[in-house]
């Protein structure tokens, strides 16, 4: 017989243990659990495998080559086996992109949006179209977590920002989504406000992780493991043939969740036909694209930049099927402090339309490479009901590329 005081102590210890287990289950996992496959492929990008691309990348070959842009993630991975709605398995997360960084949260950026195929959601775009400004961060998650993410962004901005110049507290956040229900318990609503806040709080410059992290954790691209990918281009513009160039950066970030296997084309090689396989019976999925630049562009010009994402995706084979939500936003970090009503006029710089072709080319090139980086810098994943999606095999990719070059 256990003495009464020891029974009480045992109960207290058990309760404490339950709290610890529950807390650890909710703690965001910042990267997938290490496995031999993960260790082999985690830091390998498309260029490391010899895949050729047009254009000159920036130092990081990432959206963060645009000065001030910060990216943060919360990755949620837990459970395995049979789906139990509300319990898991969980393969999802949140991505946050802050255009001017934490130090300039209340300084909107000029922006433009474009829908290639509208079977998806990107909140806040009506005001972006109307005003020409993006006010606040961009958040990307799974389809059924858009609402909680939107509300969490408002709460985060209240806690970190201030009322606008006219004294009003209001926010129309830009939150986008793609569907991860093949691998994730999407109807379990596992993304919580604190997960959104974690992604926003930890957003930083430098090279962002790619593949199965953040909002891209449970995504599938060309029926290989998909997720997040990024790339950039250095753009030199000249007013005349003999003039000194002025350099700008264009960066693209994708949450890639689209395409059928036979469509996949990499640098002109029919990779998807050479490595057959199937996850879906029909075209399914979406792509969210974020284009950043430090080139001084107006909202209508940024919309034109966003449209060029379509051409970069097409280079990899996609047709943007009926079930695909392909929604893109482009913003410029140039022209700071031009949104405030504290003065009647503002001086704004812009690049003439006649000089924009190199910027268009940069978006197309960076988008194509970002898709391939998504596939290469990734790993196989097993999710709900033991659904498994294979990572793109690097050795096979190398072999096929050599045959078709």
Protein backbone atom coordinates (compact mmCIF):
# COMPACT_ATOMS: atom_id res chain seq x y z
CA UNK A 1 0.00 0.00 0.00
CA UNK A 2 1.46 3.39 -1.07
CA UNK A 3 1.21 6.05 1.67
CA UNK A 4 -1.29 8.83 0.94
CA UNK A 5 1.30 11.61 0.72
CA UNK A 6 3.34 9.61 -1.80
CA UNK A 7 0.20 8.95 -3.87
CA UNK A 8 -0.39 12.73 -4.02
CA UNK A 9 3.22 13.30 -5.04
CA UNK A 10 2.90 10.64 -7.76
CA UNK A 11 -0.26 12.31 -9.12
CA UNK A 12 1.50 15.71 -9.25
CA UNK A 13 4.48 14.21 -11.09
CA UNK A 14 2.21 12.49 -13.62
CA UNK A 15 0.34 15.74 -14.27
CA UNK A 16 3.62 17.59 -14.79
CA UNK A 17 4.76 14.90 -17.23
CA UNK A 18 1.51 15.22 -19.20
CA UNK A 19 1.98 18.98 -19.46
CA UNK A 20 5.52 18.57 -20.71
CA UNK A 21 4.46 16.04 -23.35
CA UNK A 22 1.59 18.25 -24.50
CA UNK A 23 3.86 21.31 -24.64
CA UNK A 24 6.48 19.49 -26.68
CA UNK A 25 3.80 18.29 -29.10
CA UNK A 26 2.83 21.91 -29.79
CA UNK A 27 6.36 23.20 -30.04
CA UNK A 28 7.12 24.03 -33.70
CA UNK A 29 9.60 21.73 -35.39
CA UNK A 30 11.86 24.01 -37.40
CA UNK A 31 13.04 21.35 -39.81
CA UNK A 32 12.10 17.76 -40.72
CA UNK A 33 13.48 15.00 -38.50
CA UNK A 34 16.94 14.00 -39.70
CA UNK A 35 17.13 10.82 -41.77
CA UNK A 36 19.87 9.44 -44.02
CA UNK A 37 17.99 10.77 -47.05
CA UNK A 38 17.53 14.19 -45.44
CA UNK A 39 21.20 14.45 -44.50
CA UNK A 40 22.17 13.65 -48.08
CA UNK A 41 19.85 16.11 -49.81
CA UNK A 42 19.17 18.89 -47.32
CA UNK A 43 21.65 21.48 -48.57
CA UNK A 44 21.91 20.37 -52.20
CA UNK A 45 20.38 22.76 -54.73
CA UNK A 46 19.80 22.40 -58.45
CA UNK A 47 23.04 24.09 -59.52
CA UNK A 48 24.99 21.72 -57.27
CA UNK A 49 23.78 18.88 -59.49
CA UNK A 50 24.89 20.67 -62.65
CA UNK A 51 21.44 21.80 -63.80
CA UNK A 52 22.01 24.74 -66.18
CA UNK A 53 19.97 27.93 -65.86
CA UNK A 54 19.93 31.24 -67.69
CA UNK A 55 20.89 34.47 -65.94
CA UNK A 56 23.24 35.49 -63.12
CA UNK A 57 22.00 34.65 -59.61
CA UNK A 58 22.49 36.89 -56.61
CA UNK A 59 24.89 36.03 -53.79
CA UNK A 60 22.37 33.80 -51.98
CA UNK A 61 20.33 32.89 -55.06
CA UNK A 62 17.26 33.60 -52.94
CA UNK A 63 14.51 36.15 -52.40
CA UNK A 64 16.59 37.52 -49.53
CA UNK A 65 19.09 38.87 -52.05
CA UNK A 66 16.65 41.78 -52.12
CA UNK A 67 17.90 43.83 -49.20
CA UNK A 68 15.53 43.98 -46.24
CA UNK A 69 13.43 40.94 -47.12
CA UNK A 70 13.10 38.47 -44.24
CA UNK A 71 11.71 34.90 -44.26
CA UNK A 72 10.54 32.83 -41.29
CA UNK A 73 9.01 29.38 -40.80
CA UNK A 74 7.07 27.25 -38.39
CA UNK A 75 7.17 23.57 -39.37
CA UNK A 76 4.71 21.15 -37.76
CA UNK A 77 5.54 17.44 -38.07
CA UNK A 78 4.10 14.85 -35.71
CA UNK A 79 2.44 11.43 -35.72
CA UNK A 80 2.34 8.64 -38.25
CA UNK A 81 0.00 5.96 -39.55
CA UNK A 82 -3.78 6.04 -39.83
CA UNK A 83 -5.50 9.41 -40.04
CA UNK A 84 -7.32 10.51 -36.89
CA UNK A 85 -8.88 13.89 -37.58
CA UNK A 86 -7.78 16.32 -34.92
CA UNK A 87 -4.80 14.19 -33.88
CA UNK A 88 -2.77 13.64 -37.04
CA UNK A 89 -0.50 12.75 -38.66
CA UNK A 90 0.50 16.41 -38.99
CA UNK A 91 2.59 17.60 -41.94
CA UNK A 92 2.00 21.33 -42.27
CA UNK A 93 3.25 24.76 -41.21
CA UNK A 94 3.49 28.49 -41.81
CA UNK A 95 5.77 30.69 -43.91
CA UNK A 96 6.16 34.43 -43.24
CA UNK A 97 7.79 36.97 -45.56
CA UNK A 98 8.35 40.52 -44.29
CA UNK A 99 9.11 42.85 -47.24
CA UNK A 100 11.16 45.52 -45.44
CA UNK A 101 12.06 43.51 -42.35
CA UNK A 102 11.05 43.94 -38.73
CA UNK A 103 12.50 47.44 -38.49
CA UNK A 104 10.10 48.85 -41.11
CA UNK A 105 6.82 47.07 -40.43
CA UNK A 106 4.75 50.23 -40.85
CA UNK A 107 6.25 51.28 -44.17
CA UNK A 108 4.12 49.80 -47.00
CA UNK A 109 5.65 48.68 -50.28
CA UNK A 110 4.34 49.21 -53.80
CA UNK A 111 2.83 45.91 -54.99
CA UNK A 112 0.83 44.22 -57.74
CA UNK A 113 -1.00 40.87 -57.87
CA UNK A 114 -1.93 38.44 -60.63
CA UNK A 115 -4.08 35.29 -60.77
CA UNK A 116 -3.07 32.74 -63.40
CA UNK A 117 -5.80 30.36 -62.19
CA UNK A 118 -8.04 31.38 -59.34
CA UNK A 119 -8.87 28.08 -57.62
CA UNK A 120 -7.21 29.26 -54.44
CA UNK A 121 -7.06 32.03 -51.85
CA UNK A 122 -4.90 35.06 -51.23
CA UNK A 123 -6.61 37.41 -48.79
CA UNK A 124 -6.15 41.16 -48.84
CA UNK A 125 -5.62 41.48 -52.58
CA UNK A 126 -8.65 43.71 -53.20
CA UNK A 127 -6.93 46.51 -51.26
CA UNK A 128 -3.56 45.81 -52.90
CA UNK A 129 -5.24 46.23 -56.29
CA UNK A 130 -7.08 49.37 -55.19
CA UNK A 131 -4.31 51.14 -53.29
CA UNK A 132 -1.18 49.80 -54.99
CA UNK A 133 0.39 49.07 -51.60
CA UNK A 134 1.10 45.93 -49.59
CA UNK A 135 0.81 46.84 -45.93
CA UNK A 136 2.40 44.25 -43.65
CA UNK A 137 3.79 40.73 -44.06
CA UNK A 138 2.89 37.90 -46.42
CA UNK A 139 1.91 34.60 -44.78
CA UNK A 140 1.50 31.26 -46.58
CA UNK A 141 -0.01 28.13 -45.04
CA UNK A 142 -2.43 25.29 -45.87
CA UNK A 143 -5.90 25.80 -47.33
CA UNK A 144 -7.88 25.26 -44.13
CA UNK A 145 -5.65 27.47 -41.97
CA UNK A 146 -6.08 30.74 -43.87
CA UNK A 147 -8.61 32.09 -41.35
CA UNK A 148 -6.56 31.48 -38.22
CA UNK A 149 -3.43 32.79 -39.95
CA UNK A 150 -5.19 35.98 -41.06
CA UNK A 151 -6.49 36.70 -37.56
CA UNK A 152 -3.09 35.91 -36.03
CA UNK A 153 -1.36 38.39 -38.35
CA UNK A 154 -3.76 41.13 -37.21
CA UNK A 155 -3.01 40.34 -33.56
CA UNK A 156 0.74 40.28 -34.26
CA UNK A 157 0.64 43.64 -36.02
CA UNK A 158 -1.28 45.20 -33.13
CA UNK A 159 1.37 43.94 -30.74
CA UNK A 160 4.33 45.00 -32.90
CA UNK A 161 3.15 48.01 -34.83
CA UNK A 162 1.17 51.16 -34.32
CA UNK A 163 -1.96 52.87 -35.56
CA UNK A 164 -1.73 54.31 -39.06
CA UNK A 165 -0.86 57.96 -39.67
CA UNK A 166 -4.52 58.95 -39.29
CA UNK A 167 -4.80 57.22 -35.91
CA UNK A 168 -6.77 54.14 -37.00
CA UNK A 169 -5.99 50.53 -36.06
CA UNK A 170 -6.87 48.30 -38.99
CA UNK A 171 -5.33 45.52 -41.05
CA UNK A 172 -6.18 43.53 -44.19
CA UNK A 173 -3.47 40.84 -44.10
CA UNK A 174 -2.24 39.01 -47.17
CA UNK A 175 -2.49 35.28 -46.41
CA UNK A 176 -2.23 32.65 -49.15
CA UNK A 177 -2.59 28.87 -49.26
CA UNK A 178 -2.06 25.58 -51.03
CA UNK A 179 -3.66 22.21 -50.14
CA UNK A 180 -1.62 19.64 -48.19
CA UNK A 181 -4.40 17.13 -47.38
CA UNK A 182 -2.72 14.16 -49.04
CA UNK A 183 0.00 14.06 -46.37
CA UNK A 184 -1.50 16.21 -43.60
CA UNK A 185 -4.52 16.04 -41.29
CA UNK A 186 -5.79 19.22 -42.91
CA UNK A 187 -9.21 19.03 -41.23
CA UNK A 188 -7.55 18.79 -37.82
CA UNK A 189 -6.75 22.54 -37.83
CA UNK A 190 -3.32 22.08 -36.33
CA UNK A 191 -2.00 25.54 -37.22
CA UNK A 192 -2.53 27.80 -34.21
CA UNK A 193 -1.98 31.56 -33.73
CA UNK A 194 1.28 30.96 -31.89
CA UNK A 195 2.61 29.09 -34.95
CA UNK A 196 1.97 32.15 -37.12
CA UNK A 197 3.57 34.40 -34.53
CA UNK A 198 6.63 32.14 -34.35
CA UNK A 199 7.13 32.35 -38.13
CA UNK A 200 6.80 36.14 -38.04
CA UNK A 201 9.00 36.61 -34.98
CA UNK A 202 11.82 34.44 -36.34
CA UNK A 203 11.83 35.84 -39.89
CA UNK A 204 15.35 36.89 -40.85
CA UNK A 205 17.66 37.60 -43.74
CA UNK A 206 20.23 35.17 -45.09
CA UNK A 207 19.61 31.98 -47.03
CA UNK A 208 16.14 30.55 -46.31
CA UNK A 209 15.61 26.80 -45.99
CA UNK A 210 13.91 25.11 -48.92
CA UNK A 211 11.84 22.00 -49.42
CA UNK A 212 9.57 20.56 -46.72
CA UNK A 213 9.54 23.44 -44.25
CA UNK A 214 7.01 26.06 -43.16
CA UNK A 215 3.86 26.25 -45.24
CA UNK A 216 5.51 23.93 -47.77
CA UNK A 217 5.89 21.02 -45.36
CA UNK A 218 3.12 18.82 -46.77
CA UNK A 219 3.16 19.96 -50.40
CA UNK A 220 3.65 17.91 -53.58
CA UNK A 221 5.11 19.17 -56.87
CA UNK A 222 4.97 17.18 -60.12
CA UNK A 223 4.08 14.21 -57.88
CA UNK A 224 7.48 14.40 -56.21
CA UNK A 225 7.90 15.93 -52.76
CA UNK A 226 7.35 19.65 -53.16
CA UNK A 227 7.25 22.66 -50.86
CA UNK A 228 9.31 25.85 -50.81
CA UNK A 229 11.88 27.01 -53.31
CA UNK A 230 13.63 30.28 -54.05
CA UNK A 231 16.09 31.85 -56.52
CA UNK A 232 17.22 35.30 -57.60
CA UNK A 233 18.77 37.20 -60.46
CA UNK A 234 21.14 40.16 -60.61
CA UNK A 235 19.85 42.63 -63.20
CA UNK A 236 22.01 45.31 -64.86
CA UNK A 237 20.11 48.12 -66.57
CA UNK A 238 21.62 50.71 -68.93
CA UNK A 239 20.00 53.85 -70.25
CA UNK A 240 22.16 53.54 -73.37
CA UNK A 241 24.71 51.17 -74.83
CA UNK A 242 27.68 53.13 -73.48
CA UNK A 243 26.15 54.12 -70.14
CA UNK A 244 27.34 52.64 -66.86
CA UNK A 245 25.00 49.91 -65.61
CA UNK A 246 22.83 50.20 -62.53
CA UNK A 247 22.29 46.91 -60.73
CA UNK A 248 19.11 45.58 -59.13
CA UNK A 249 18.00 42.29 -57.62
CA UNK A 250 14.91 40.21 -58.38
CA UNK A 251 14.02 37.34 -56.06
CA UNK A 252 11.27 34.72 -56.29
CA UNK A 253 9.86 32.54 -53.52
CA UNK A 254 7.41 29.71 -54.26
CA UNK A 255 5.15 27.42 -52.28
CA UNK A 256 5.02 24.75 -55.00
CA UNK A 257 2.17 22.22 -54.91
CA UNK A 258 1.27 21.59 -58.56
CA UNK A 259 1.80 19.50 -61.69
CA UNK A 260 1.50 15.92 -62.97
CA UNK A 261 4.62 13.76 -63.17
CA UNK A 262 4.81 13.43 -66.98
CA UNK A 263 4.80 17.23 -67.34
CA UNK A 264 8.02 17.83 -65.39
CA UNK A 265 10.70 19.36 -67.56
CA UNK A 266 14.06 20.49 -66.18
CA UNK A 267 16.34 22.54 -68.43
CA UNK A 268 14.53 21.07 -71.42
CA UNK A 269 14.90 17.43 -70.31
CA UNK A 270 11.69 15.35 -69.91
CA UNK A 271 12.47 14.29 -66.34
CA UNK A 272 8.89 13.34 -65.44
CA UNK A 273 8.56 10.96 -68.39
CA UNK A 274 11.92 9.39 -67.62
CA UNK A 275 11.04 8.82 -63.94
CA UNK A 276 7.38 7.70 -64.08
CA UNK A 277 5.14 7.75 -61.03
CA UNK A 278 1.76 8.90 -59.81
CA UNK A 279 0.17 10.39 -56.70
CA UNK A 280 -3.02 11.96 -58.05
CA UNK A 281 -5.44 10.77 -60.75
CA UNK A 282 -5.91 14.29 -62.12
CA UNK A 283 -4.28 17.72 -62.05
CA UNK A 284 -4.37 18.94 -58.46
CA UNK A 285 -2.59 21.51 -56.33
CA UNK A 286 -1.55 25.14 -56.50
CA UNK A 287 1.36 27.56 -56.55
CA UNK A 288 1.83 30.72 -54.51
CA UNK A 289 4.61 32.97 -55.78
CA UNK A 290 6.17 36.03 -54.16
CA UNK A 291 8.38 38.26 -56.30
CA UNK A 292 10.59 40.85 -54.59
CA UNK A 293 12.78 43.50 -56.17
CA UNK A 294 14.69 46.60 -55.16
CA UNK A 295 14.09 48.13 -58.59
CA UNK A 296 11.87 51.22 -58.28
CA UNK A 297 8.62 50.11 -59.92
CA UNK A 298 5.04 51.35 -59.71
CA UNK A 299 2.11 49.04 -58.86
CA UNK A 300 1.08 48.54 -62.49
CA UNK A 301 4.66 47.59 -63.36
CA UNK A 302 4.80 45.15 -60.44
CA UNK A 303 1.63 43.49 -61.70
CA UNK A 304 3.45 43.00 -65.00
CA UNK A 305 6.33 41.38 -63.08
CA UNK A 306 3.91 39.07 -61.25
CA UNK A 307 2.46 37.93 -64.59
CA UNK A 308 5.90 36.71 -65.70
CA UNK A 309 5.89 34.05 -62.98
CA UNK A 310 3.50 32.18 -65.30
CA UNK A 311 6.21 31.84 -67.94
CA UNK A 312 8.76 30.55 -65.45
CA UNK A 313 6.34 27.89 -64.24
CA UNK A 314 5.55 26.92 -67.84
CA UNK A 315 9.25 26.28 -68.49
CA UNK A 316 9.00 23.43 -65.97
CA UNK A 317 5.99 21.91 -67.73
CA UNK A 318 2.86 22.91 -65.83
CA UNK A 319 -0.37 23.84 -67.64
CA UNK A 320 -1.98 25.48 -64.56
CA UNK A 321 -4.89 23.04 -64.42
CA UNK A 322 -8.47 23.74 -63.42
CA UNK A 323 -7.88 22.67 -59.82
CA UNK A 324 -4.77 24.77 -59.38
CA UNK A 325 -4.76 28.04 -57.44
CA UNK A 326 -1.86 29.92 -59.03
CA UNK A 327 -1.73 33.31 -57.34
CA UNK A 328 1.24 35.68 -57.47
CA UNK A 329 2.28 38.93 -55.81
CA UNK A 330 5.22 41.19 -56.63
CA UNK A 331 6.52 44.06 -54.50
CA UNK A 332 9.32 46.61 -54.57
CA UNK A 333 11.36 47.68 -51.56
CA UNK A 334 12.37 50.91 -53.35
CA UNK A 335 10.60 54.23 -52.65
CA UNK A 336 10.39 54.06 -48.85
CA UNK A 337 8.09 56.33 -46.86
CA UNK A 338 5.82 57.32 -49.75
CA UNK A 339 2.52 56.10 -48.29
CA UNK A 340 2.17 58.51 -45.39
CA UNK A 341 -0.35 61.41 -45.44
CA UNK A 342 2.03 63.64 -43.48
CA UNK A 343 2.81 65.62 -46.64
CA UNK A 344 0.83 66.54 -49.73
CA UNK A 345 3.20 65.03 -52.31
CA UNK A 346 6.01 62.50 -52.36
CA UNK A 347 8.90 62.17 -54.77
CA UNK A 348 8.84 58.70 -56.37
CA UNK A 349 11.38 57.05 -58.67
CA UNK A 350 10.41 54.58 -61.38
CA UNK A 351 12.01 52.71 -64.27
CA UNK A 352 10.62 53.38 -67.76
CA UNK A 353 8.62 50.53 -69.28
CA UNK A 354 11.03 50.40 -72.21
CA UNK A 355 13.82 49.29 -69.86
CA UNK A 356 11.89 46.53 -68.07
CA UNK A 357 12.66 43.53 -70.30
CA UNK A 358 15.70 42.41 -68.24
CA UNK A 359 13.51 42.46 -65.11
CA UNK A 360 10.90 40.34 -66.89
CA UNK A 361 13.62 37.88 -67.90
CA UNK A 362 14.92 37.76 -64.33
CA UNK A 363 11.50 36.80 -62.96
CA UNK A 364 11.05 34.04 -65.55
CA UNK A 365 14.53 32.63 -64.91
CA UNK A 366 14.33 32.81 -61.11
CA UNK A 367 10.87 31.22 -61.08
CA UNK A 368 12.05 28.26 -63.15
CA UNK A 369 15.05 27.72 -60.88
CA UNK A 370 12.97 28.10 -57.71
CA UNK A 371 10.71 25.24 -58.84
CA UNK A 372 13.70 22.97 -59.44
CA UNK A 373 15.28 23.97 -56.12
CA UNK A 374 12.02 22.98 -54.44
CA UNK A 375 12.35 19.48 -55.85
CA UNK A 376 16.11 19.05 -55.43
CA UNK A 377 16.54 20.50 -51.92
CA UNK A 378 14.01 18.07 -50.49
CA UNK A 379 13.42 14.52 -49.24
CA UNK A 380 10.79 11.79 -49.32
CA UNK A 381 7.95 12.05 -46.82
CA UNK A 382 5.32 9.68 -45.40
CA UNK A 383 2.15 11.25 -44.01
CA UNK A 384 -1.44 10.44 -43.17
CA UNK A 385 -2.65 6.88 -43.86
CA UNK A 386 0.96 6.05 -44.76
CA UNK A 387 0.70 8.09 -47.95
CA UNK A 388 4.24 8.41 -49.24
CA UNK A 389 5.66 10.92 -51.70
CA UNK A 390 9.15 10.33 -53.01
CA UNK A 391 11.79 13.00 -53.28
CA UNK A 392 13.33 13.64 -56.69
CA UNK A 393 16.29 11.19 -56.91
CA UNK A 394 19.49 13.12 -57.51
CA UNK A 395 21.41 10.33 -59.24
CA UNK A 396 18.62 9.72 -61.74
CA UNK A 397 18.35 13.44 -62.41
CA UNK A 398 22.08 13.67 -63.14
CA UNK A 399 21.94 10.65 -65.48
CA UNK A 400 18.99 11.99 -67.45
CA UNK A 401 20.45 15.48 -67.69
CA UNK A 402 23.66 14.06 -69.18
CA UNK A 403 21.68 12.17 -71.84
CA UNK A 404 19.64 15.17 -72.94
CA UNK A 405 22.34 17.86 -72.88
